[in-house]
Amino acid sequence: MLIDTYGRVATDLRVSLTDRCNLRCTYCMPEEGLQWLAKPDLLTDDEIVRLIDIAVRTLGGEEVRFTGGEPLLRPGLVGIVERVAALDPRPRTSLTTNGIGLGRTAAALKAAGLDRVNVSLDTLRPEVFKTLTRRDRHKDVLEGLRAAHQAGLTPVKVNTVLMPGLNEDEAPDLLAWAIEHDYELRFIEQMPLDAQHGWKREGMVTAGDILAALRTRFQLTPEGADERGSAPAERWLVDGGPHRVGVIASVTRPFCAACDRTRLTADGQIRTCLFATEETDLRGALRSGAPDEEIARLWRLAMWGKKAGAGLDDPSFIQPDRPMSAIGG
């Protein structure tokens, strides 16, 4: 079991497969990109599967979410998914992606054992997409969403960040579109995860702003805390259901008290939180020949030291020292 001093139990493992990405989203990284990790620093496919096996078999892991960077850029992705889906006990598996390339890989990922996907899409307007991501790939993301739904990687969840002056007026249109295509839309407050440290608390589009905009067109009924559990998104039934919309209010309504996540970076470090400033090195232990029991001990020790919360509602909050692409969203 992975338990901390506040009694929280981590059962949800987020695994970053690469720090690389084929978009340059303004809220994540600079236009020129970042200095990527050297290949020898990245975990190998075998190392990733071994660490996930330890988490599932020894430490109580129940769900594995593959992230990046952009996980579809990982050459061995389908094989990793297949091996993880074959573990005993079998964890629930999902993947967070920008959707580019999903049109070509959705069917193979489903056949390998992937259960579902989260796809990031912030706008329905191709020109706004190009401004936000600095790439002209809007059509590819829509194609990837369709392919994921057709392959049965459901529920297909769409993650959206609203930004002032760009797409903040799109909330009702995005929800209507998601309902039409049977996607589950989740709005995420913009967090201080950009490598260039351009995030500002003032002027951000908050959960309150998003809900007010949605209520101009839809009736929203709270789903309730019992249904939410440890999930980061508060959810509402739309016009009585069955469709739902979620809001992840990481900044204005932190949910740290219910956090059940542990994070493995692409270079084999354990992070207890996206905003942690400390890491525990498992790659070194792996490559020095440590047995599974020692790696599990290091992992337990790391989680035992998890802090109470990230303090994102504090305007003076200090941004993390590594961009989201290196940590895994």
Protein backbone atom coordinates (compact mmCIF):
# COMPACT_ATOMS: atom_id res chain seq x y z
CA MET A 1 0.00 0.00 0.00
CA LEU A 2 1.10 3.55 -0.76
CA ILE A 3 -0.13 5.64 2.16
CA ASP A 4 0.91 9.08 3.40
CA THR A 5 0.90 10.67 6.83
CA TYR A 6 -2.54 12.19 6.15
CA GLY A 7 -4.11 8.79 5.54
CA ARG A 8 -4.46 9.16 1.77
CA VAL A 9 -3.90 5.94 -0.21
CA ALA A 10 -2.46 6.19 -3.72
CA THR A 11 -4.03 3.69 -6.11
CA ASP A 12 -3.85 5.76 -9.32
CA LEU A 13 -0.48 5.63 -11.11
CA ARG A 14 0.31 8.29 -13.72
CA VAL A 15 3.16 7.18 -16.00
CA SER A 16 4.92 9.67 -18.27
CA LEU A 17 6.29 7.77 -21.27
CA THR A 18 8.16 10.68 -22.86
CA ASP A 19 8.80 14.37 -22.30
CA ARG A 20 8.48 15.12 -26.04
CA CYS A 21 5.41 16.65 -27.65
CA ASN A 22 4.38 17.56 -31.19
CA LEU A 23 2.44 20.65 -30.10
CA ARG A 24 3.71 23.84 -28.45
CA CYS A 25 0.73 24.86 -26.34
CA THR A 26 1.18 28.34 -24.93
CA TYR A 27 0.28 27.23 -21.39
CA CYS A 28 2.79 24.37 -21.40
CA MET A 29 6.03 25.25 -23.18
CA PRO A 30 7.80 27.93 -25.24
CA GLU A 31 7.46 27.99 -29.04
CA GLU A 32 10.99 26.68 -29.59
CA GLY A 33 10.31 23.68 -27.37
CA LEU A 34 12.48 22.42 -24.53
CA GLN A 35 15.73 20.59 -24.05
CA TRP A 36 14.46 17.01 -24.24
CA LEU A 37 15.74 14.20 -22.06
CA ALA A 38 18.57 12.16 -23.53
CA LYS A 39 17.52 8.66 -24.57
CA PRO A 40 19.72 6.90 -21.95
CA ASP A 41 17.93 8.90 -19.26
CA LEU A 42 14.51 7.60 -20.28
CA LEU A 43 13.13 4.42 -18.79
CA THR A 44 13.15 1.49 -21.21
CA ASP A 45 9.95 -0.40 -22.02
CA ASP A 46 11.03 -3.25 -19.72
CA GLU A 47 11.78 -0.83 -16.87
CA ILE A 48 8.39 0.85 -17.23
CA VAL A 49 6.53 -2.45 -17.16
CA ARG A 50 8.54 -3.69 -14.19
CA LEU A 51 7.78 -0.55 -12.15
CA ILE A 52 4.09 -0.73 -13.02
CA ASP A 53 4.08 -4.42 -12.05
CA ILE A 54 5.56 -3.54 -8.65
CA ALA A 55 2.95 -0.81 -8.19
CA VAL A 56 0.07 -3.13 -9.08
CA ARG A 57 1.21 -6.39 -7.51
CA THR A 58 2.88 -5.07 -4.35
CA LEU A 59 1.68 -1.52 -3.68
CA GLY A 60 -2.04 -1.65 -4.39
CA GLY A 61 -2.13 0.18 -7.72
CA GLU A 62 -5.51 -0.15 -9.41
CA GLU A 63 -5.34 2.26 -12.35
CA VAL A 64 -2.57 3.21 -14.77
CA ARG A 65 -2.78 6.39 -16.85
CA PHE A 66 -0.19 6.77 -19.60
CA THR A 67 0.82 10.40 -20.15
CA GLY A 68 3.64 12.46 -21.65
CA GLY A 69 4.61 14.82 -23.09
CA GLU A 70 2.65 13.14 -25.83
CA PRO A 71 2.54 9.38 -25.15
CA LEU A 72 1.66 8.52 -28.77
CA LEU A 73 5.25 9.55 -29.63
CA ARG A 74 6.58 6.61 -27.60
CA PRO A 75 7.64 3.96 -30.19
CA GLY A 76 6.81 1.00 -27.93
CA LEU A 77 3.47 2.31 -26.66
CA VAL A 78 1.21 -0.46 -27.96
CA GLY A 79 3.53 -3.14 -26.58
CA ILE A 80 3.70 -1.44 -23.18
CA VAL A 81 -0.09 -1.24 -23.01
CA GLU A 82 -0.42 -4.91 -23.95
CA ARG A 83 2.04 -6.01 -21.26
CA VAL A 84 0.43 -3.85 -18.57
CA ALA A 85 -3.05 -5.08 -19.48
CA ALA A 86 -1.77 -8.65 -19.00
CA LEU A 87 -0.63 -8.04 -15.42
CA ASP A 88 -2.28 -9.88 -12.54
CA PRO A 89 -4.17 -8.21 -11.00
CA ARG A 90 -5.09 -6.28 -14.15
CA PRO A 91 -5.18 -2.51 -13.63
CA ARG A 92 -7.62 -0.21 -15.39
CA THR A 93 -5.70 1.50 -18.19
CA SER A 94 -6.15 4.87 -19.84
CA LEU A 95 -4.16 7.38 -21.85
CA THR A 96 -4.03 11.18 -21.97
CA THR A 97 -3.16 12.48 -25.43
CA ASN A 98 -3.42 15.52 -27.67
CA GLY A 99 -5.12 13.25 -30.19
CA ILE A 100 -2.66 13.72 -33.04
CA GLY A 101 -1.94 10.24 -34.36
CA LEU A 102 -4.83 8.67 -32.47
CA GLY A 103 -6.67 8.16 -35.75
CA ARG A 104 -3.94 5.68 -36.74
CA THR A 105 -3.47 3.99 -33.37
CA ALA A 106 -6.85 3.88 -31.60
CA ALA A 107 -7.83 0.42 -32.86
CA ALA A 108 -4.41 -1.08 -32.03
CA LEU A 109 -4.47 0.43 -28.54
CA LYS A 110 -7.92 -0.98 -27.87
CA ALA A 111 -6.81 -4.41 -29.10
CA ALA A 112 -3.77 -4.19 -26.80
CA GLY A 113 -6.01 -3.67 -23.78
CA LEU A 114 -6.33 0.08 -23.34
CA ASP A 115 -9.67 0.88 -21.71
CA ARG A 116 -10.21 4.55 -22.56
CA VAL A 117 -8.64 7.89 -23.51
CA ASN A 118 -8.60 11.54 -22.47
CA VAL A 119 -8.01 13.90 -25.39
CA SER A 120 -6.97 17.53 -24.98
CA LEU A 121 -8.91 19.97 -27.17
CA ASP A 122 -9.35 23.61 -26.18
CA THR A 123 -11.33 25.03 -29.07
CA LEU A 124 -13.67 24.25 -31.94
CA ARG A 125 -12.07 26.96 -34.08
CA PRO A 126 -9.10 25.85 -36.21
CA GLU A 127 -7.56 29.32 -36.19
CA VAL A 128 -7.71 29.53 -32.38
CA PHE A 129 -6.24 26.03 -32.14
CA LYS A 130 -3.31 27.17 -34.26
CA THR A 131 -2.77 30.18 -32.01
CA LEU A 132 -2.93 28.11 -28.83
CA THR A 133 -0.79 25.19 -29.99
CA ARG A 134 1.37 26.92 -32.63
CA ARG A 135 0.52 24.03 -34.95
CA ASP A 136 -2.16 23.58 -37.65
CA ARG A 137 -3.43 20.15 -36.52
CA HIS A 138 -7.04 20.78 -35.45
CA LYS A 139 -8.42 18.38 -38.06
CA ASP A 140 -6.10 15.60 -36.84
CA VAL A 141 -7.40 15.91 -33.28
CA LEU A 142 -11.02 15.67 -34.42
CA GLU A 143 -10.11 12.59 -36.47
CA GLY A 144 -8.42 11.05 -33.43
CA LEU A 145 -11.49 11.63 -31.28
CA ARG A 146 -13.74 9.93 -33.82
CA ALA A 147 -11.36 6.97 -34.10
CA ALA A 148 -11.19 6.55 -30.33
CA HIS A 149 -14.97 6.50 -30.03
CA GLN A 150 -15.33 4.04 -32.90
CA ALA A 151 -12.68 1.77 -31.38
CA GLY A 152 -14.57 1.64 -28.07
CA LEU A 153 -12.07 3.60 -25.97
CA THR A 154 -14.97 4.96 -24.00
CA PRO A 155 -15.95 7.09 -22.28
CA VAL A 156 -13.91 9.43 -24.47
CA LYS A 157 -13.14 12.39 -22.25
CA VAL A 158 -12.19 15.77 -23.70
CA ASN A 159 -10.02 18.04 -21.55
CA THR A 160 -10.36 21.77 -22.21
CA VAL A 161 -8.47 24.76 -20.82
CA LEU A 162 -10.12 28.16 -21.32
CA MET A 163 -7.86 31.21 -21.62
CA PRO A 164 -8.81 34.90 -21.55
CA GLY A 165 -8.97 36.57 -24.95
CA LEU A 166 -8.66 33.31 -26.87
CA ASN A 167 -11.36 30.74 -26.20
CA GLU A 168 -13.09 31.81 -22.98
CA ASP A 169 -16.36 32.37 -24.88
CA GLU A 170 -16.55 28.79 -26.21
CA ALA A 171 -17.75 26.90 -23.13
CA PRO A 172 -21.43 26.48 -24.17
CA ASP A 173 -20.51 25.62 -27.77
CA LEU A 174 -17.97 23.05 -26.63
CA LEU A 175 -20.49 21.37 -24.36
CA ALA A 176 -23.14 21.23 -27.11
CA TRP A 177 -20.55 19.72 -29.47
CA ALA A 178 -19.43 17.13 -26.87
CA ILE A 179 -23.02 16.04 -26.25
CA GLU A 180 -23.64 15.71 -29.98
CA HIS A 181 -20.62 13.40 -30.39
CA ASP A 182 -21.07 11.48 -27.10
CA TYR A 183 -17.87 12.77 -25.51
CA GLU A 184 -17.56 13.69 -21.83
CA LEU A 185 -16.27 17.26 -21.58
CA ARG A 186 -14.12 18.38 -18.67
CA PHE A 187 -12.94 21.94 -18.22
CA ILE A 188 -9.63 22.39 -16.40
CA GLU A 189 -8.58 25.64 -14.77
CA GLN A 190 -5.28 26.80 -16.19
CA MET A 191 -2.50 25.80 -13.79
CA PRO A 192 1.02 27.19 -13.36
CA LEU A 193 2.67 24.45 -15.39
CA ASP A 194 4.26 26.46 -18.19
CA ALA A 195 8.02 26.26 -18.56
CA GLN A 196 8.27 29.96 -19.34
CA HIS A 197 6.48 30.88 -16.06
CA GLY A 198 3.93 33.13 -17.73
CA TRP A 199 0.97 31.99 -15.59
CA LYS A 200 -0.83 34.65 -13.58
CA ARG A 201 -3.60 34.06 -11.08
CA GLU A 202 -5.26 37.34 -11.97
CA GLY A 203 -7.57 37.15 -14.98
CA MET A 204 -7.63 33.37 -15.29
CA VAL A 205 -10.92 31.72 -16.29
CA THR A 206 -12.18 30.14 -13.07
CA ALA A 207 -14.58 27.29 -12.41
CA GLY A 208 -17.16 29.87 -11.41
CA ASP A 209 -16.76 31.67 -14.73
CA ILE A 210 -17.12 28.40 -16.65
CA LEU A 211 -20.26 27.30 -14.80
CA ALA A 212 -21.87 30.72 -15.21
CA ALA A 213 -21.25 30.56 -18.96
CA LEU A 214 -22.64 27.02 -19.25
CA ARG A 215 -25.79 27.96 -17.33
CA THR A 216 -26.67 30.54 -19.97
CA ARG A 217 -27.66 27.59 -22.19
CA PHE A 218 -27.92 24.46 -20.04
CA GLN A 219 -29.43 23.35 -16.75
CA LEU A 220 -26.75 21.87 -14.53
CA THR A 221 -27.51 19.54 -11.62
CA PRO A 222 -24.62 18.66 -9.25
CA GLU A 223 -23.79 14.98 -9.29
CA GLY A 224 -22.71 15.00 -5.66
CA ALA A 225 -19.67 14.14 -3.56
CA ASP A 226 -20.54 10.44 -3.26
CA GLU A 227 -20.40 10.01 -7.03
CA ARG A 228 -17.20 12.04 -7.29
CA GLY A 229 -15.11 10.05 -4.82
CA SER A 230 -11.42 10.89 -5.30
CA ALA A 231 -11.87 12.07 -8.91
CA PRO A 232 -10.49 15.57 -9.56
CA ALA A 233 -13.52 16.70 -11.56
CA GLU A 234 -16.73 17.95 -10.01
CA ARG A 235 -19.48 16.79 -12.36
CA TRP A 236 -22.92 18.04 -13.28
CA LEU A 237 -25.79 16.37 -15.12
CA VAL A 238 -26.65 18.41 -18.20
CA ASP A 239 -30.37 19.12 -18.67
CA GLY A 240 -31.23 16.22 -16.38
CA GLY A 241 -28.80 13.71 -17.95
CA PRO A 242 -27.58 11.32 -19.11
CA HIS A 243 -24.78 13.59 -20.36
CA ARG A 244 -22.37 15.08 -17.86
CA VAL A 245 -19.85 17.89 -17.77
CA GLY A 246 -16.93 18.14 -15.37
CA VAL A 247 -14.86 20.99 -14.01
CA ILE A 248 -11.41 20.45 -12.50
CA ALA A 249 -10.88 23.51 -10.32
CA SER A 250 -7.26 22.86 -9.38
CA VAL A 251 -6.63 26.50 -8.49
CA THR A 252 -9.83 27.83 -6.93
CA ARG A 253 -11.17 24.61 -5.38
CA PRO A 254 -8.15 22.37 -4.65
CA PHE A 255 -8.94 18.70 -4.11
CA CYS A 256 -5.66 17.67 -2.49
CA ALA A 257 -7.38 16.13 0.55
CA ALA A 258 -8.80 13.35 -1.64
CA CYS A 259 -5.76 12.85 -3.91
CA ASP A 260 -5.03 9.19 -4.70
CA ARG A 261 -2.25 9.65 -7.28
CA THR A 262 1.39 8.76 -7.54
CA ARG A 263 3.44 9.89 -10.55
CA LEU A 264 6.31 8.24 -12.40
CA THR A 265 8.27 10.56 -14.67
CA ALA A 266 9.72 9.56 -18.01
CA ASP A 267 13.19 9.39 -16.45
CA GLY A 268 12.17 7.17 -13.55
CA GLN A 269 11.49 9.60 -10.73
CA ILE A 270 8.57 9.39 -8.31
CA ARG A 271 6.65 12.61 -7.75
CA THR A 272 3.92 12.75 -5.14
CA CYS A 273 2.27 15.75 -6.84
CA LEU A 274 2.45 17.70 -10.11
CA PHE A 275 3.77 20.59 -8.02
CA ALA A 276 6.22 18.68 -5.86
CA THR A 277 9.74 20.11 -5.70
CA GLU A 278 11.29 16.82 -4.59
CA GLU A 279 11.66 13.52 -6.43
CA THR A 280 12.66 9.98 -5.50
CA ASP A 281 14.90 8.18 -7.98
CA LEU A 282 13.74 4.67 -8.91
CA ARG A 283 15.72 4.48 -12.14
CA GLY A 284 19.01 4.40 -10.26
CA ALA A 285 17.75 1.61 -8.03
CA LEU A 286 16.53 -0.37 -11.04
CA ARG A 287 19.80 -0.08 -12.90
CA SER A 288 21.92 -0.89 -9.87
CA GLY A 289 20.18 -4.26 -9.56
CA ALA A 290 17.85 -3.53 -6.63
CA PRO A 291 15.21 -6.23 -6.03
CA ASP A 292 11.50 -5.44 -6.29
CA GLU A 293 11.21 -5.29 -2.48
CA GLU A 294 13.76 -2.46 -2.28
CA ILE A 295 12.09 -0.49 -5.05
CA ALA A 296 8.73 -0.89 -3.32
CA ARG A 297 10.30 0.34 -0.07
CA LEU A 298 11.65 3.47 -1.78
CA TRP A 299 8.25 4.11 -3.35
CA ARG A 300 6.46 3.74 0.00
CA LEU A 301 8.94 6.11 1.64
CA ALA A 302 8.40 8.72 -1.07
CA MET A 303 4.63 8.61 -0.68
CA TRP A 304 4.82 8.70 3.11
CA GLY A 305 6.39 12.15 2.80
CA LYS A 306 3.62 13.58 0.57
CA LYS A 307 2.63 17.09 1.60
CA ALA A 308 -0.90 18.05 2.64
CA GLY A 309 -1.60 20.10 -0.49
CA ALA A 310 -0.22 22.16 -3.32
CA GLY A 311 -1.57 25.53 -2.16
CA LEU A 312 -2.65 26.54 -5.65
CA ASP A 313 -5.22 29.00 -4.31
CA ASP A 314 -2.38 31.10 -2.92
CA PRO A 315 -1.52 33.89 -5.41
CA SER A 316 2.12 33.69 -4.35
CA PHE A 317 2.35 30.02 -5.25
CA ILE A 318 5.72 29.17 -6.75
CA GLN A 319 5.63 27.27 -10.04
CA PRO A 320 7.32 23.85 -10.30
CA ASP A 321 10.89 23.55 -11.50
CA ARG A 322 10.01 21.12 -14.32
CA PRO A 323 7.44 21.66 -17.07
CA MET A 324 4.35 19.47 -17.30
CA SER A 325 5.79 17.68 -20.33
CA ALA A 326 8.53 16.19 -18.17
CA ILE A 327 6.29 15.26 -15.25
CA GLY A 328 3.13 13.85 -16.80
CA GLY A 329 -0.25 15.49 -16.59
